[in-house]
Amino acid sequence: MQASLAAPTSSAVQPSTSPVFLQVQPTDIVWQHGAAGRSLSVQPTRVQLMGADLALERLRWQGDGAQAAGKVGSAPAEGPVRDTQALDVLLRLAPLNLPQWLARWQPQAGWGGDLTVGGQLRMLRQPGQAWEIDAELARQAGDITLSEPTVEGQSAQRLGLREARARLTARNGLWTLEQALDGRVLGKLSGRQTVQARDPRAWPQADAPLSGEVMVQVASLRPLATWAPAGWRLNGQLQGQAQIGGTLGAPRWSGWLQGEQLALSQSLLGVHLSDGQLRIEMDGERARLTRFTATGGPQGGRVLADGEATLGESPRLQLHVQAERFAVLQRIDRRIVLSGDTQAGLSADALQLRGQIRIDEGLIDISHAEAPTLGEDVTVRRRPGAQDDADAAAADGASGGGNGKGRGSGQRKVDADIALDLGRQLRLKGHGLDGLLVGQLQVSTPSNKPAIQGVVKLEQGTFAAYGQKLRIERSTITFTGLIDNPRLDILAMRPQSPAADASDVRVGVRITGTALDPRIRLYSEPSLSETEQLSWLVLGRGPSGLGGADIGLLQSAAVALLSGESREGPTDKLIGLLGLDQVSVRQSEGTVRDTVVNVGKQVSRHWYVGYERNLNATGGNWQLIYSLAQRFKLRAQAGEDNAVDLIWQWRWD
C-alpha cells in the first residue's frame, strides 16, 4: 500500500493575534505498508514551531515488516528477530532573533537586542547499527539586552554574551551532552555529561551509567529576576561545581554551591536583604546548608541559618535560623525588627516548628485605608482555582472520605510551639490608637489550627475621640486559643483639663467583651448619669448651661458611640487642624444668657493655655492655668478682666 499526502497550506490557517504554535508548508508525505515492512518519507519542507523557522531537509523512517516479525496467525520464525528499524532525519534551525522570539512569549519582560542563534539536528540509525546523533544550538552573533526594572532601573543593559552553546552527540552507545555559556553579566557555565547505553542500538534506559560534571559562575543574578514573581528583586553572585554519578534513572550529585553579596528585596512587602552569603554542600542524597548569613535593616541586623536535607524516597529537612535585631519588614507603615532562635523540621507528612522570638522594635500603622472588598450583596460561587462543592465532595470520596478519614486526610500535620515576646518598643498606630504593645504569647497548632495563648497590653497608649486624646489606663487583650476573637478589657480616660470646673471628675470609655462582640460604654469616677458622662467626655465640663451647639454635639457623639463609629468626624478634623485640645460653645449664667466660646490647648501635663470670649463683647480673656495638685490651680487671666487666682475645688453630690 502506498499513499501520498500534502500538508495544508499556510493560507488555510486562520489569523490569530497570539503566536502560532505549529505551521507546516505544503509537502509530500509517502507512507508504505506491506509485507516487506513499513516506511515513511517526507519531502523537504519548512516548519514554524512556536515562531521558530525550521528547515526539514530529510525525514525517512523504516519499521519492521511482517516477514521479520512473523505473519499473523502463523508460528513465529525460528532464530533471532532481524532488526530492520532505520531512521534518517536532518533538521536545521534558521537564524533566529532570540530577543524578538522571547518578547512574543514574555512581552512584559523587557527583552531586546540582536542576538541570533542557530542549530541543527541530525539523527541516523541503520538496521542493526548504533544511533548516530548530532544536535547543536549555539549563538551566531549579536547580544541580548534587558530593560526590566531589576536591571539598573529602566535603562537597557547588555548581557555581553560571548559564547552560548549546547551540543548532544551519540556514538556507539555513548551519549554526550555538553554546554557552555560565557557572558560579561551572566558569568560562565560549562559542563559535560555522558551516558553509556547498555544496548547501542536502543535509547539509554534508566539503568544506564551516568557520569559528568557541571561548573557555574554567575557574575550577577539581576537578569534572572525576569523569571521571579512580580516585584521581587535579586542580586549577587553564585559559583558552584558538581559531579554527577549513578545511573540515568537515579543520578547521584556531589559538589558545592556558594553565593556572595546576595540581595533580595520586595518594596511592597518591605523585604530587604543584603550582604548575603550562602554555601551548600551536596553528597548523594544529603545536602547541607553550612552557611547562610544576610543583613537586614539600617542598624545592621543579621540572620543566620544552617541545616541539612535528605532527599530520596523519604525526604526530610532540618533548618536552624537565628536572628539578631533583623529587620523582617521595612515599610513605612510596617516595620518589624526581631531577634530569636527557631528550628524547623519538614517531612513528607509533618511540619514541626520550635522557637523563641522577641520583637526588638517595630511599628504597625493601621491608619491607611483597607483594600477594597466585594459588597455584601455579591456572592462568589466559584473562585479561580477553587472546586465546586460537588467536585470537592467527589474528590473527597475518591480519596477515602467514605472510610471515616474525612476531607483533608492527606494534609500535612503541623506541630508548632513558638514563644513570642512583643518586647517594649512595638508601636501600634492608627484609627485613633497610639501606644506600645507589650506582652508574651505562645503560638501553637492544636488539630492543625493556629492558636495563641497569652496577654497583650497597650502601654503609654492614647485613643483620639471627639477631639480629645483619651489616655488608656488599662488595656488587657487576652488570647485563649482563637486568634481573631480575644477577650477585651480596655479603659480609656479623658485627661483632666486645668480649665475644667471640677478637676476631680474623671470620665472615659470602657470596652469589654470580645473582638467579635465588643461592648462599649461610658465610665466615670465618681458615678454620673450618662448625660453628665457624655458632657464631661466631649466638652470637658458639666451639662449645666449647655447651649444649642453643645447639645447638638452631644447628640452626634452619642449616636457615634452607640453605632461604634471610629472614624473622625468634622469636629475632630477641625480641632486637629487648628491644633487645639478643646473647643466648646456654652451659654453664660444670669438673666441675659450670652453665647461664650472657649478654645484651649494643653501645653503639657500641668500647663494649659486658653481663650474665652463672649460673642456680644468687644474682647475676650486669655488664661494661663497651672495645676499645682489635684484640687489646686493657679490661674493668670488677662484681657477684659485681669487677675491672678488661686483656686481650690471640691465636689460633692
Foldseek 3Di string as FASTA:
>chain_A
DKDKDWDDAPVVDDDDPAFDAKDWHTWIWMWDADQQFTKIWTDWTWMQHLNWIKTWHTWIWTAHGCVQQDPPPDDGDPDDRWFQTWIWTKMWTDWDQVQVSVCSVVVPFAKDKRKTKIWMWTWTDGGPGFIWIKTKIWTDDIWMWTQPCLPVGRDIDTFAWDIWMWIWTADQQKIKIWTWTDTPQQHIKTKMKIWRAPHRRDDRDQQTWIWMKIWDKGNWCSSVCSPPPPQKHKTWIKIWMWIWTGGNNQIFIWIKMKIFQIWMDGQVQQATKTGWIWMWTGGGQKIWTPWIKIFADPVGKMKIKIWMWGDDPKIKIKMKMWIDQHWGGDHPQWTWTKTWIKIWMDIQAAIEIEMEMETAAIHHEPADDDDDDDDPVDDDQDDPPDDHPVVQVVVQVVVPCVVPCHPPVRHHHYWYWYKYFHHFHYWYHHLQKTFTKGWIWIWTQVVNHIFIFIKIWGPQMWGDDLLFTWGWPTWIWGGDTDPQKTWIWTWTWTQQDLPEPASVKIKTKTWTDINVDIDIDIDIVPDDDRQQRLCCVNAVYGPPQADPVSVVSSVVRVVCRVVVPRDDDPSNVVSVVVVWRHWGWGWDDDPDTFIKIKTKHDPDSFWIWIWMDTPVDPKTKIWIWGDPDSFWIWIAIDMPDGDIDIGGDDDDD
